[in-house]
Amino acid sequence: GGSGRTSRATANAARAAFPAGKVGLGMLVEPQFRDQASESEGEGKEQLALRVKRLVPGGAADLAGGIAMGDLLLAVDGAPVSAMPLSELAGHILGDPGSVVELTVQQGGAKGPIIKHRVVRSAPQA
């Protein structure tokens, strides 16, 4: 299918959208939803968290340790990800190299312990 091509295009667009001089956390995430009353596909779903799909080797989250694929990102600097659109979330995640962000993560998915991690933003290390 064309999903791999779409994913690459989306990733490239996201990188192009980084404000000059700003860096992220080196994680690929996807929304994690809780079904509401409606059974239809798009309606009645509430975003609870962002599931860590992949860590960029040498990226900030990888270097910080303690964050793994399958973990749920619940909050960034104390702001719940469930309460903000992705465009606003990007503003919390992106920052100056060397600046610190606090991530609230539920390890291993919905039943794991909730841990706070301090991550120093950086460009991926080769």
Foldseek 3Di string as FASTA:
>chain_A
DCVVVVVVVVVVVVVVPADPQKFFQQFDWAFDWDAAPDPDDPPRIFGQFIFGQDGHAQGQDNVQDPDDGGKTFQDKQPHGPRPDDPVVVVVRGIDHQQDKIKTWIAPNYDPGDTDITITGGDDGDD
